[in-house]
Amino acid sequence: SVVRKAKEADTYIFTRQSYQEFPDYWISDSGFNNPSKLTDLNPQQQTFAWGQKPELVKYKGYDGEDLQGVLIKPADYKAGDKVPVVIYFYRYMSQRMYDFPKMVLNHRPNLPMYTSNGYAIFLPDIRFEIGHPGRSATQTMLNAAQALIDRGVADPDKIGLQGHSWAGYQSAFMITQTDMFKAVVSGAPVSNMTSAFSGIRLESGLARQFQYETGQSRIGKPLTEAPELYIENSPVFYADKVNTPILIMFGDKDGAVPWQEGIQYYLALRRHDKDAIFLQYEGEPHHLKKLPNQLDYSIRMKEYFDYHLKGLPPAAWIKSGEAFIAE
């Protein structure tokens, strides 16, 4: 990325990056043949087991089209190892092949936190079909995960999913259709499209109907015209089919997805004695903003995957829960 060009000289300051290389400042002429490094802003990275060089994995989408995802093996990976995998996704992710992973805590996994602790990370591209976003995303994810198994990298009994918002919905739906995944962390998912359709996005004040008819949710028709599609794509109606442990996270001031959507799914799952945990962050919006909560969620997410994918002893909150109001 070019940062600045000198006004009266053939000189550029730019950054370059990869998964292993922090985006330091460099200087060069327009030929970029002999650039010189100006900064060394992240020397502490050398003391961490950061992860191996990312590679592309190819697989087929819902209709057999060619798709790909980014696989980052753990730092200590050896050929032939079958390792636990956390799949983080949304829609298109393969363009992140050369992105340096920012060391931040928020609603997604901190990638080096996992690749330095024996996990592989996979960032797949996902395919959607108008009218059938749940079914098409599920089939694409199954194909993507199977590609990791076929490469001999993923332990088939140790694959987890993590998604937020639209990907939170996808992960919540996928486990109603398949038992392939060992554990899921679903952030701010819509679970009932029939109840969400005629709601308001409280942050913007926009009706949610456009999102389902012409936008991201991809139903393509109003509820009155195609109620069967809204039911087909709503995980709450299939809670009895779920066999995968799920951790649901919501801020109770979410202005994009009503947090009652998470409550609906959680209660439906618990009604059928499913392994479900609900994390409520008081006063938080769609993405966690307060550092203590970001840190708390990051720790709990990893503890959850460590228990289900690595077989480590469960943290007390996983087995015993925590009261909403302390005694």
C-alpha atoms as a PDB file:
ATOM      1  CA  SER A   1       0.000   0.000   0.000  1.00  0.00           C
ATOM      2  CA  VAL A   2       1.416   3.362  -1.047  1.00  0.00           C
ATOM      3  CA  VAL A   3       1.375   5.759   1.909  1.00  0.00           C
ATOM      4  CA  ARG A   4       2.895   8.896   0.375  1.00  0.00           C
ATOM      5  CA  LYS A   5       4.737  10.077  -2.750  1.00  0.00           C
ATOM      6  CA  ALA A   6       7.301  12.854  -2.615  1.00  0.00           C
ATOM      7  CA  LYS A   7       6.106  15.990  -4.450  1.00  0.00           C
ATOM      8  CA  GLU A   8       9.356  16.643  -6.315  1.00  0.00           C
ATOM      9  CA  ALA A   9      11.130  13.286  -6.394  1.00  0.00           C
ATOM     10  CA  ASP A  10      10.587   9.770  -7.657  1.00  0.00           C
ATOM     11  CA  THR A  11      10.265   8.502  -4.088  1.00  0.00           C
ATOM     12  CA  TYR A  12       7.503   6.556  -2.402  1.00  0.00           C
ATOM     13  CA  ILE A  13       6.825   5.484   1.169  1.00  0.00           C
ATOM     14  CA  PHE A  14       4.813   2.298   1.271  1.00  0.00           C
ATOM     15  CA  THR A  15       3.937  -0.650   3.467  1.00  0.00           C
ATOM     16  CA  ARG A  16       3.976  -4.332   2.651  1.00  0.00           C
ATOM     17  CA  GLN A  17       2.599  -7.221   4.648  1.00  0.00           C
ATOM     18  CA  SER A  18       1.873 -10.927   4.823  1.00  0.00           C
ATOM     19  CA  TYR A  19       0.575 -13.200   7.561  1.00  0.00           C
ATOM     20  CA  GLN A  20       4.124 -13.314   8.977  1.00  0.00           C
ATOM     21  CA  GLU A  21       5.282  -9.803   8.064  1.00  0.00           C
ATOM     22  CA  PHE A  22       4.064  -6.754   9.975  1.00  0.00           C
ATOM     23  CA  PRO A  23       3.208  -3.793   7.648  1.00  0.00           C
ATOM     24  CA  ASP A  24       6.288  -1.685   8.366  1.00  0.00           C
ATOM     25  CA  TYR A  25       7.194   1.437   6.365  1.00  0.00           C
ATOM     26  CA  TRP A  26       9.512   1.106   3.373  1.00  0.00           C
ATOM     27  CA  ILE A  27      10.966   3.651   0.912  1.00  0.00           C
ATOM     28  CA  SER A  28      11.675   3.191  -2.798  1.00  0.00           C
ATOM     29  CA  ASP A  29      11.599   4.769  -6.236  1.00  0.00           C
ATOM     30  CA  SER A  30       8.797   3.932  -8.662  1.00  0.00           C
ATOM     31  CA  GLY A  31      10.605   0.809  -9.830  1.00  0.00           C
ATOM     32  CA  PHE A  32      10.412  -0.789  -6.368  1.00  0.00           C
ATOM     33  CA  ASN A  33      13.574  -2.743  -7.205  1.00  0.00           C
ATOM     34  CA  ASN A  34      15.691  -1.922  -4.150  1.00  0.00           C
ATOM     35  CA  PRO A  35      13.383  -0.809  -1.360  1.00  0.00           C
ATOM     36  CA  SER A  36      14.784   0.104   2.056  1.00  0.00           C
ATOM     37  CA  LYS A  37      12.990  -0.654   5.301  1.00  0.00           C
ATOM     38  CA  LEU A  38      12.386   2.417   7.474  1.00  0.00           C
ATOM     39  CA  THR A  39      10.758   0.953  10.581  1.00  0.00           C
ATOM     40  CA  ASP A  40      10.762  -2.135  12.760  1.00  0.00           C
ATOM     41  CA  LEU A  41       7.563  -1.638  14.710  1.00  0.00           C
ATOM     42  CA  ASN A  42       6.816  -5.178  15.828  1.00  0.00           C
ATOM     43  CA  PRO A  43      10.047  -6.922  16.912  1.00  0.00           C
ATOM     44  CA  GLN A  44       8.263  -8.795  19.721  1.00  0.00           C
ATOM     45  CA  GLN A  45       6.543 -10.947  17.097  1.00  0.00           C
ATOM     46  CA  GLN A  46       9.750 -12.961  16.729  1.00  0.00           C
ATOM     47  CA  THR A  47       9.247 -14.419  20.206  1.00  0.00           C
ATOM     48  CA  PHE A  48       5.902 -16.011  19.286  1.00  0.00           C
ATOM     49  CA  ALA A  49       5.046 -19.189  17.393  1.00  0.00           C
ATOM     50  CA  TRP A  50       3.027 -17.223  14.854  1.00  0.00           C
ATOM     51  CA  GLY A  51       1.784 -19.878  12.425  1.00  0.00           C
ATOM     52  CA  GLN A  52       2.906 -21.264   9.101  1.00  0.00           C
ATOM     53  CA  LYS A  53       2.661 -19.612   5.686  1.00  0.00           C
ATOM     54  CA  PRO A  54      -0.984 -19.498   4.544  1.00  0.00           C
ATOM     55  CA  GLU A  55      -2.015 -21.649   1.605  1.00  0.00           C
ATOM     56  CA  LEU A  56      -5.085 -21.839  -0.622  1.00  0.00           C
ATOM     57  CA  VAL A  57      -7.413 -24.834  -0.444  1.00  0.00           C
ATOM     58  CA  LYS A  58      -9.800 -25.435  -3.344  1.00  0.00           C
ATOM     59  CA  TYR A  59     -13.256 -26.990  -3.093  1.00  0.00           C
ATOM     60  CA  LYS A  60     -16.668 -26.863  -4.747  1.00  0.00           C
ATOM     61  CA  GLY A  61     -19.552 -24.576  -3.902  1.00  0.00           C
ATOM     62  CA  TYR A  62     -23.275 -25.290  -3.673  1.00  0.00           C
ATOM     63  CA  ASP A  63     -23.730 -25.647  -7.443  1.00  0.00           C
ATOM     64  CA  GLY A  64     -20.311 -27.160  -8.087  1.00  0.00           C
ATOM     65  CA  GLU A  65     -18.550 -23.876  -8.785  1.00  0.00           C
ATOM     66  CA  ASP A  66     -14.872 -23.512  -7.871  1.00  0.00           C
ATOM     67  CA  LEU A  67     -14.211 -21.848  -4.525  1.00  0.00           C
ATOM     68  CA  GLN A  68     -11.218 -21.506  -2.245  1.00  0.00           C
ATOM     69  CA  GLY A  69     -10.230 -20.722   1.316  1.00  0.00           C
ATOM     70  CA  VAL A  70      -7.124 -19.778   3.262  1.00  0.00           C
ATOM     71  CA  LEU A  71      -5.578 -22.450   5.490  1.00  0.00           C
ATOM     72  CA  ILE A  72      -3.108 -21.382   8.180  1.00  0.00           C
ATOM     73  CA  LYS A  73      -1.479 -24.346   9.876  1.00  0.00           C
ATOM     74  CA  PRO A  74      -0.222 -24.149  13.466  1.00  0.00           C
ATOM     75  CA  ALA A  75       3.349 -22.990  13.955  1.00  0.00           C
ATOM     76  CA  ASP A  76       4.549 -26.419  15.065  1.00  0.00           C
ATOM     77  CA  TYR A  77       2.697 -28.346  12.355  1.00  0.00           C
ATOM     78  CA  LYS A  78       4.418 -31.417  10.911  1.00  0.00           C
ATOM     79  CA  ALA A  79       3.413 -33.174   7.713  1.00  0.00           C
ATOM     80  CA  GLY A  80       0.867 -35.867   8.444  1.00  0.00           C
ATOM     81  CA  ASP A  81      -0.469 -34.264  11.627  1.00  0.00           C
ATOM     82  CA  LYS A  82      -4.253 -34.151  11.981  1.00  0.00           C
ATOM     83  CA  VAL A  83      -5.035 -31.102  14.096  1.00  0.00           C
ATOM     84  CA  PRO A  84      -8.059 -29.261  15.509  1.00  0.00           C
ATOM     85  CA  VAL A  85      -9.395 -26.582  13.164  1.00  0.00           C
ATOM     86  CA  VAL A  86     -11.349 -23.405  13.854  1.00  0.00           C
ATOM     87  CA  ILE A  87     -13.195 -22.176  10.772  1.00  0.00           C
ATOM     88  CA  TYR A  88     -13.850 -18.429  10.787  1.00  0.00           C
ATOM     89  CA  PHE A  89     -16.014 -17.140   7.952  1.00  0.00           C
ATOM     90  CA  TYR A  90     -18.524 -14.597   6.679  1.00  0.00           C
ATOM     91  CA  ARG A  91     -18.755 -14.547   2.885  1.00  0.00           C
ATOM     92  CA  TYR A  92     -15.550 -14.015   0.889  1.00  0.00           C
ATOM     93  CA  MET A  93     -12.399 -14.590   2.927  1.00  0.00           C
ATOM     94  CA  SER A  94      -9.694 -15.786   0.516  1.00  0.00           C
ATOM     95  CA  GLN A  95      -8.671 -12.187  -0.232  1.00  0.00           C
ATOM     96  CA  ARG A  96      -7.141 -12.192   3.271  1.00  0.00           C
ATOM     97  CA  MET A  97      -4.393 -14.556   2.116  1.00  0.00           C
ATOM     98  CA  TYR A  98      -1.685 -11.921   2.638  1.00  0.00           C
ATOM     99  CA  ASP A  99      -3.211  -9.872   5.442  1.00  0.00           C
ATOM    100  CA  PHE A 100      -1.182  -9.449   8.598  1.00  0.00           C
ATOM    101  CA  PRO A 101      -3.463 -10.479  11.473  1.00  0.00           C
ATOM    102  CA  LYS A 102      -4.060  -7.429  13.620  1.00  0.00           C
ATOM    103  CA  MET A 103      -3.578  -8.223  17.302  1.00  0.00           C
ATOM    104  CA  VAL A 104      -6.994  -7.066  18.415  1.00  0.00           C
ATOM    105  CA  LEU A 105      -9.736  -8.501  20.589  1.00  0.00           C
ATOM    106  CA  ASN A 106     -13.269  -8.224  19.270  1.00  0.00           C
ATOM    107  CA  HIS A 107     -16.041 -10.476  17.938  1.00  0.00           C
ATOM    108  CA  ARG A 108     -13.789 -12.849  15.983  1.00  0.00           C
ATOM    109  CA  PRO A 109     -10.969 -15.239  16.880  1.00  0.00           C
ATOM    110  CA  ASN A 110      -7.526 -13.708  17.249  1.00  0.00           C
ATOM    111  CA  LEU A 111      -5.830 -15.886  14.634  1.00  0.00           C
ATOM    112  CA  PRO A 112      -2.284 -16.142  16.075  1.00  0.00           C
ATOM    113  CA  MET A 113      -3.797 -16.959  19.472  1.00  0.00           C
ATOM    114  CA  TYR A 114      -4.960 -20.182  17.870  1.00  0.00           C
ATOM    115  CA  THR A 115      -2.175 -20.977  15.382  1.00  0.00           C
ATOM    116  CA  SER A 116       0.376 -20.561  18.182  1.00  0.00           C
ATOM    117  CA  ASN A 117      -1.561 -23.065  20.312  1.00  0.00           C
ATOM    118  CA  GLY A 118      -1.870 -26.071  18.035  1.00  0.00           C
ATOM    119  CA  TYR A 119      -4.923 -25.063  15.995  1.00  0.00           C
ATOM    120  CA  ALA A 120      -5.217 -24.629  12.259  1.00  0.00           C
ATOM    121  CA  ILE A 121      -7.349 -21.691  11.101  1.00  0.00           C
ATOM    122  CA  PHE A 122      -9.423 -21.866   7.939  1.00  0.00           C
ATOM    123  CA  LEU A 123     -11.023 -18.853   6.194  1.00  0.00           C
ATOM    124  CA  PRO A 124     -13.357 -20.196   3.465  1.00  0.00           C
ATOM    125  CA  ASP A 125     -15.358 -18.456   0.766  1.00  0.00           C
ATOM    126  CA  ILE A 126     -19.075 -19.257   1.078  1.00  0.00           C
ATOM    127  CA  ARG A 127     -21.709 -19.571  -1.655  1.00  0.00           C
ATOM    128  CA  PHE A 128     -25.382 -18.564  -1.270  1.00  0.00           C
ATOM    129  CA  GLU A 129     -28.496 -19.354  -3.304  1.00  0.00           C
ATOM    130  CA  ILE A 130     -31.362 -16.840  -3.416  1.00  0.00           C
ATOM    131  CA  GLY A 131     -34.243 -18.291  -1.456  1.00  0.00           C
ATOM    132  CA  HIS A 132     -32.063 -20.938   0.162  1.00  0.00           C
ATOM    133  CA  PRO A 133     -29.181 -19.166   1.952  1.00  0.00           C
ATOM    134  CA  GLY A 134     -29.115 -21.681   4.812  1.00  0.00           C
ATOM    135  CA  ARG A 135     -29.041 -24.792   2.643  1.00  0.00           C
ATOM    136  CA  SER A 136     -26.496 -23.419   0.166  1.00  0.00           C
ATOM    137  CA  ALA A 137     -24.148 -22.074   2.852  1.00  0.00           C
ATOM    138  CA  THR A 138     -24.305 -25.393   4.691  1.00  0.00           C
ATOM    139  CA  GLN A 139     -23.427 -27.470   1.641  1.00  0.00           C
ATOM    140  CA  THR A 140     -20.565 -25.136   0.774  1.00  0.00           C
ATOM    141  CA  MET A 141     -19.177 -25.353   4.303  1.00  0.00           C
ATOM    142  CA  LEU A 142     -19.423 -29.142   4.297  1.00  0.00           C
ATOM    143  CA  ASN A 143     -17.437 -29.219   1.052  1.00  0.00           C
ATOM    144  CA  ALA A 144     -14.844 -26.833   2.489  1.00  0.00           C
ATOM    145  CA  ALA A 145     -14.406 -28.801   5.712  1.00  0.00           C
ATOM    146  CA  GLN A 146     -14.192 -32.083   3.809  1.00  0.00           C
ATOM    147  CA  ALA A 147     -11.379 -30.610   1.709  1.00  0.00           C
ATOM    148  CA  LEU A 148      -9.372 -30.067   4.905  1.00  0.00           C
ATOM    149  CA  ILE A 149     -10.035 -33.651   5.980  1.00  0.00           C
ATOM    150  CA  ASP A 150      -9.064 -34.981   2.551  1.00  0.00           C
ATOM    151  CA  ARG A 151      -5.759 -33.080   2.751  1.00  0.00           C
ATOM    152  CA  GLY A 152      -5.010 -34.921   5.980  1.00  0.00           C
ATOM    153  CA  VAL A 153      -4.768 -31.691   7.987  1.00  0.00           C
ATOM    154  CA  ALA A 154      -8.062 -31.586   9.888  1.00  0.00           C
ATOM    155  CA  ASP A 155      -8.965 -34.113  12.534  1.00  0.00           C
ATOM    156  CA  PRO A 156     -12.560 -34.886  11.447  1.00  0.00           C
ATOM    157  CA  ASP A 157     -13.677 -35.003  15.088  1.00  0.00           C
ATOM    158  CA  LYS A 158     -12.119 -31.641  15.974  1.00  0.00           C
ATOM    159  CA  ILE A 159     -13.570 -29.039  13.602  1.00  0.00           C
ATOM    160  CA  GLY A 160     -15.258 -25.948  15.047  1.00  0.00           C
ATOM    161  CA  LEU A 161     -17.085 -22.975  13.519  1.00  0.00           C
ATOM    162  CA  GLN A 162     -17.053 -19.331  14.557  1.00  0.00           C
ATOM    163  CA  GLY A 163     -19.109 -16.638  12.890  1.00  0.00           C
ATOM    164  CA  HIS A 164     -20.728 -13.338  13.817  1.00  0.00           C
ATOM    165  CA  SER A 165     -23.880 -11.599  12.560  1.00  0.00           C
ATOM    166  CA  TRP A 166     -24.587 -13.013   9.068  1.00  0.00           C
ATOM    167  CA  ALA A 167     -22.019 -15.752   9.712  1.00  0.00           C
ATOM    168  CA  GLY A 168     -23.493 -16.173  13.190  1.00  0.00           C
ATOM    169  CA  TYR A 169     -26.784 -16.982  11.477  1.00  0.00           C
ATOM    170  CA  GLN A 170     -25.084 -19.382   9.080  1.00  0.00           C
ATOM    171  CA  SER A 171     -23.324 -21.292  11.854  1.00  0.00           C
ATOM    172  CA  ALA A 172     -26.545 -21.448  13.911  1.00  0.00           C
ATOM    173  CA  PHE A 173     -28.371 -22.879  10.887  1.00  0.00           C
ATOM    174  CA  MET A 174     -25.662 -25.311   9.781  1.00  0.00           C
ATOM    175  CA  ILE A 175     -25.819 -27.351  12.960  1.00  0.00           C
ATOM    176  CA  THR A 176     -29.528 -28.017  12.346  1.00  0.00           C
ATOM    177  CA  GLN A 177     -28.509 -29.788   9.131  1.00  0.00           C
ATOM    178  CA  THR A 178     -25.270 -31.624   9.962  1.00  0.00           C
ATOM    179  CA  ASP A 179     -23.323 -33.135  12.849  1.00  0.00           C
ATOM    180  CA  MET A 180     -19.978 -32.594  11.129  1.00  0.00           C
ATOM    181  CA  PHE A 181     -18.840 -29.854  13.494  1.00  0.00           C
ATOM    182  CA  LYS A 182     -17.766 -30.512  17.055  1.00  0.00           C
ATOM    183  CA  ALA A 183     -18.587 -27.067  18.479  1.00  0.00           C
ATOM    184  CA  VAL A 184     -19.909 -23.692  17.287  1.00  0.00           C
ATOM    185  CA  VAL A 185     -19.510 -20.145  18.582  1.00  0.00           C
ATOM    186  CA  SER A 186     -22.294 -18.025  17.087  1.00  0.00           C
ATOM    187  CA  GLY A 187     -22.271 -14.262  17.600  1.00  0.00           C
ATOM    188  CA  ALA A 188     -25.473 -12.202  17.165  1.00  0.00           C
ATOM    189  CA  PRO A 189     -27.373 -14.674  14.956  1.00  0.00           C
ATOM    190  CA  VAL A 190     -30.833 -14.228  13.498  1.00  0.00           C
ATOM    191  CA  SER A 191     -32.643 -17.442  14.404  1.00  0.00           C
ATOM    192  CA  ASN A 192     -36.221 -16.761  13.321  1.00  0.00           C
ATOM    193  CA  MET A 193     -36.661 -14.972  10.012  1.00  0.00           C
ATOM    194  CA  THR A 194     -40.435 -14.803  10.452  1.00  0.00           C
ATOM    195  CA  SER A 195     -40.101 -12.644  13.571  1.00  0.00           C
ATOM    196  CA  ALA A 196     -37.100 -10.665  12.321  1.00  0.00           C
ATOM    197  CA  PHE A 197     -38.671  -9.721   8.972  1.00  0.00           C
ATOM    198  CA  SER A 198     -40.985  -6.981  10.245  1.00  0.00           C
ATOM    199  CA  GLY A 199     -38.652  -5.574  12.851  1.00  0.00           C
ATOM    200  CA  ILE A 200     -36.537  -2.410  12.935  1.00  0.00           C
ATOM    201  CA  ARG A 201     -32.772  -2.141  12.798  1.00  0.00           C
ATOM    202  CA  LEU A 202     -32.670   0.035  15.901  1.00  0.00           C
ATOM    203  CA  GLU A 203     -29.283   1.617  15.184  1.00  0.00           C
ATOM    204  CA  SER A 204     -30.285   2.973  11.769  1.00  0.00           C
ATOM    205  CA  GLY A 205     -34.081   3.054  12.137  1.00  0.00           C
ATOM    206  CA  LEU A 206     -34.502   1.086   8.906  1.00  0.00           C
ATOM    207  CA  ALA A 207     -37.145  -1.597   8.536  1.00  0.00           C
ATOM    208  CA  ARG A 208     -35.570  -5.042   8.312  1.00  0.00           C
ATOM    209  CA  GLN A 209     -37.801  -6.145   5.424  1.00  0.00           C
ATOM    210  CA  PHE A 210     -35.429  -4.914   2.705  1.00  0.00           C
ATOM    211  CA  GLN A 211     -32.684  -7.131   4.102  1.00  0.00           C
ATOM    212  CA  TYR A 212     -34.714 -10.283   3.462  1.00  0.00           C
ATOM    213  CA  GLU A 213     -36.300  -9.333   0.154  1.00  0.00           C
ATOM    214  CA  THR A 214     -33.325  -7.771  -1.651  1.00  0.00           C
ATOM    215  CA  GLY A 215     -30.359  -7.782   0.727  1.00  0.00           C
ATOM    216  CA  GLN A 216     -27.976  -9.965   2.649  1.00  0.00           C
ATOM    217  CA  SER A 217     -30.493 -12.506   3.939  1.00  0.00           C
ATOM    218  CA  ARG A 218     -31.315 -13.458   0.336  1.00  0.00           C
ATOM    219  CA  ILE A 219     -34.851 -14.782   0.686  1.00  0.00           C
ATOM    220  CA  GLY A 220     -35.897 -12.742  -2.338  1.00  0.00           C
ATOM    221  CA  LYS A 221     -39.598 -12.473  -1.502  1.00  0.00           C
ATOM    222  CA  PRO A 222     -41.740 -10.914   1.252  1.00  0.00           C
ATOM    223  CA  LEU A 223     -42.946 -13.060   4.125  1.00  0.00           C
ATOM    224  CA  THR A 224     -46.562 -13.077   2.915  1.00  0.00           C
ATOM    225  CA  GLU A 225     -45.501 -14.393  -0.497  1.00  0.00           C
ATOM    226  CA  ALA A 226     -43.102 -17.116   0.629  1.00  0.00           C
ATOM    227  CA  PRO A 227     -43.592 -18.024   4.306  1.00  0.00           C
ATOM    228  CA  GLU A 228     -42.197 -21.487   3.622  1.00  0.00           C
ATOM    229  CA  LEU A 229     -38.802 -20.000   2.695  1.00  0.00           C
ATOM    230  CA  TYR A 230     -38.648 -17.996   5.921  1.00  0.00           C
ATOM    231  CA  ILE A 231     -39.343 -21.144   7.918  1.00  0.00           C
ATOM    232  CA  GLU A 232     -36.932 -23.259   5.861  1.00  0.00           C
ATOM    233  CA  ASN A 233     -34.079 -20.841   6.591  1.00  0.00           C
ATOM    234  CA  SER A 234     -34.788 -20.272  10.295  1.00  0.00           C
ATOM    235  CA  PRO A 235     -32.755 -22.462  12.676  1.00  0.00           C
ATOM    236  CA  VAL A 236     -35.238 -22.030  15.545  1.00  0.00           C
ATOM    237  CA  PHE A 237     -37.691 -24.335  13.738  1.00  0.00           C
ATOM    238  CA  TYR A 238     -35.136 -27.162  13.711  1.00  0.00           C
ATOM    239  CA  ALA A 239     -33.711 -26.840  17.215  1.00  0.00           C
ATOM    240  CA  ASP A 240     -34.680 -30.435  17.940  1.00  0.00           C
ATOM    241  CA  LYS A 241     -32.282 -31.621  15.203  1.00  0.00           C
ATOM    242  CA  VAL A 242     -29.177 -30.013  16.760  1.00  0.00           C
ATOM    243  CA  ASN A 243     -26.531 -32.323  18.232  1.00  0.00           C
ATOM    244  CA  THR A 244     -23.615 -29.862  18.218  1.00  0.00           C
ATOM    245  CA  PRO A 245     -22.711 -27.817  21.322  1.00  0.00           C
ATOM    246  CA  ILE A 246     -23.227 -24.107  20.660  1.00  0.00           C
ATOM    247  CA  LEU A 247     -22.154 -20.933  22.430  1.00  0.00           C
ATOM    248  CA  ILE A 248     -24.396 -17.962  21.512  1.00  0.00           C
ATOM    249  CA  MET A 249     -23.194 -14.403  22.183  1.00  0.00           C
ATOM    250  CA  PHE A 250     -25.221 -11.159  22.147  1.00  0.00           C
ATOM    251  CA  GLY A 251     -24.961  -7.625  23.402  1.00  0.00           C
ATOM    252  CA  ASP A 252     -28.348  -6.596  24.796  1.00  0.00           C
ATOM    253  CA  LYS A 253     -28.186  -3.199  23.032  1.00  0.00           C
ATOM    254  CA  ASP A 254     -27.627  -4.706  19.588  1.00  0.00           C
ATOM    255  CA  GLY A 255     -28.897  -2.217  17.005  1.00  0.00           C
ATOM    256  CA  ALA A 256     -28.536  -4.533  14.006  1.00  0.00           C
ATOM    257  CA  VAL A 257     -29.900  -7.912  15.152  1.00  0.00           C
ATOM    258  CA  PRO A 258     -32.483  -7.999  17.960  1.00  0.00           C
ATOM    259  CA  TRP A 259     -30.904  -9.882  20.818  1.00  0.00           C
ATOM    260  CA  GLN A 260     -34.245 -11.575  21.383  1.00  0.00           C
ATOM    261  CA  GLU A 261     -33.312 -13.627  18.310  1.00  0.00           C
ATOM    262  CA  GLY A 262     -30.584 -15.228  20.397  1.00  0.00           C
ATOM    263  CA  ILE A 263     -32.975 -15.778  23.292  1.00  0.00           C
ATOM    264  CA  GLN A 264     -35.442 -17.534  20.982  1.00  0.00           C
ATOM    265  CA  TYR A 265     -32.825 -19.951  19.715  1.00  0.00           C
ATOM    266  CA  TYR A 266     -31.304 -20.565  23.135  1.00  0.00           C
ATOM    267  CA  LEU A 267     -34.671 -21.352  24.726  1.00  0.00           C
ATOM    268  CA  ALA A 268     -35.682 -23.570  21.805  1.00  0.00           C
ATOM    269  CA  LEU A 269     -32.432 -25.512  22.160  1.00  0.00           C
ATOM    270  CA  ARG A 270     -32.742 -25.820  25.929  1.00  0.00           C
ATOM    271  CA  ARG A 271     -36.380 -26.925  25.552  1.00  0.00           C
ATOM    272  CA  HIS A 272     -35.004 -29.934  23.676  1.00  0.00           C
ATOM    273  CA  ASP A 273     -32.181 -30.505  26.191  1.00  0.00           C
ATOM    274  CA  LYS A 274     -29.461 -29.405  23.770  1.00  0.00           C
ATOM    275  CA  ASP A 275     -25.972 -28.314  24.828  1.00  0.00           C
ATOM    276  CA  ALA A 276     -26.334 -24.522  24.514  1.00  0.00           C
ATOM    277  CA  ILE A 277     -24.788 -21.615  26.401  1.00  0.00           C
ATOM    278  CA  PHE A 278     -25.891 -17.981  26.118  1.00  0.00           C
ATOM    279  CA  LEU A 279     -23.498 -15.099  26.806  1.00  0.00           C
ATOM    280  CA  GLN A 280     -25.210 -11.740  27.358  1.00  0.00           C
ATOM    281  CA  TYR A 281     -23.017  -8.623  27.484  1.00  0.00           C
ATOM    282  CA  GLU A 282     -24.952  -5.869  29.188  1.00  0.00           C
ATOM    283  CA  GLY A 283     -25.065  -2.514  27.401  1.00  0.00           C
ATOM    284  CA  GLU A 284     -23.102  -3.744  24.374  1.00  0.00           C
ATOM    285  CA  PRO A 285     -24.085  -3.179  20.700  1.00  0.00           C
ATOM    286  CA  HIS A 286     -23.714  -5.493  17.687  1.00  0.00           C
ATOM    287  CA  HIS A 287     -19.933  -5.635  18.099  1.00  0.00           C
ATOM    288  CA  LEU A 288     -18.462  -5.563  21.575  1.00  0.00           C
ATOM    289  CA  LYS A 289     -16.931  -2.157  22.323  1.00  0.00           C
ATOM    290  CA  LYS A 290     -15.711  -2.357  25.919  1.00  0.00           C
ATOM    291  CA  LEU A 291     -12.233  -3.832  26.338  1.00  0.00           C
ATOM    292  CA  PRO A 292     -13.104  -5.922  29.437  1.00  0.00           C
ATOM    293  CA  ASN A 293     -15.932  -7.574  27.489  1.00  0.00           C
ATOM    294  CA  GLN A 294     -13.793  -8.075  24.381  1.00  0.00           C
ATOM    295  CA  LEU A 295     -11.172  -9.749  26.542  1.00  0.00           C
ATOM    296  CA  ASP A 296     -13.754 -11.824  28.389  1.00  0.00           C
ATOM    297  CA  TYR A 297     -15.345 -13.076  25.154  1.00  0.00           C
ATOM    298  CA  SER A 298     -11.959 -13.900  23.595  1.00  0.00           C
ATOM    299  CA  ILE A 299     -10.974 -15.946  26.643  1.00  0.00           C
ATOM    300  CA  ARG A 300     -14.306 -17.762  26.833  1.00  0.00           C
ATOM    301  CA  MET A 301     -14.285 -18.519  23.115  1.00  0.00           C
ATOM    302  CA  LYS A 302     -10.882 -20.169  23.355  1.00  0.00           C
ATOM    303  CA  GLU A 303     -11.814 -22.036  26.540  1.00  0.00           C
ATOM    304  CA  TYR A 304     -14.895 -23.333  24.746  1.00  0.00           C
ATOM    305  CA  PHE A 305     -12.908 -24.581  21.756  1.00  0.00           C
ATOM    306  CA  ASP A 306     -10.146 -25.959  24.001  1.00  0.00           C
ATOM    307  CA  TYR A 307     -12.731 -28.075  25.800  1.00  0.00           C
ATOM    308  CA  HIS A 308     -14.647 -29.322  22.765  1.00  0.00           C
ATOM    309  CA  LEU A 309     -11.854 -29.583  20.183  1.00  0.00           C
ATOM    310  CA  LYS A 310      -8.825 -30.394  22.348  1.00  0.00           C
ATOM    311  CA  GLY A 311     -10.454 -32.245  25.208  1.00  0.00           C
ATOM    312  CA  LEU A 312      -8.999 -29.943  27.868  1.00  0.00           C
ATOM    313  CA  PRO A 313     -10.807 -29.723  31.223  1.00  0.00           C
ATOM    314  CA  PRO A 314     -13.838 -27.411  30.956  1.00  0.00           C
ATOM    315  CA  ALA A 315     -13.797 -24.006  32.585  1.00  0.00           C
ATOM    316  CA  ALA A 316     -16.256 -23.782  35.479  1.00  0.00           C
ATOM    317  CA  TRP A 317     -18.659 -21.522  33.547  1.00  0.00           C
ATOM    318  CA  ILE A 318     -19.030 -24.143  30.794  1.00  0.00           C
ATOM    319  CA  LYS A 319     -20.246 -26.832  33.170  1.00  0.00           C
ATOM    320  CA  SER A 320     -21.875 -24.807  35.916  1.00  0.00           C
ATOM    321  CA  GLY A 321     -22.928 -21.552  34.291  1.00  0.00           C
ATOM    322  CA  GLU A 322     -22.948 -18.182  35.994  1.00  0.00           C
ATOM    323  CA  ALA A 323     -25.949 -16.443  37.510  1.00  0.00           C
ATOM    324  CA  PHE A 324     -27.218 -13.325  35.733  1.00  0.00           C
ATOM    325  CA  ILE A 325     -27.384 -11.599  39.112  1.00  0.00           C
ATOM    326  CA  ALA A 326     -24.717 -12.590  41.626  1.00  0.00           C
ATOM    327  CA  GLU A 327     -25.990 -13.811  44.978  1.00  0.00           C
END
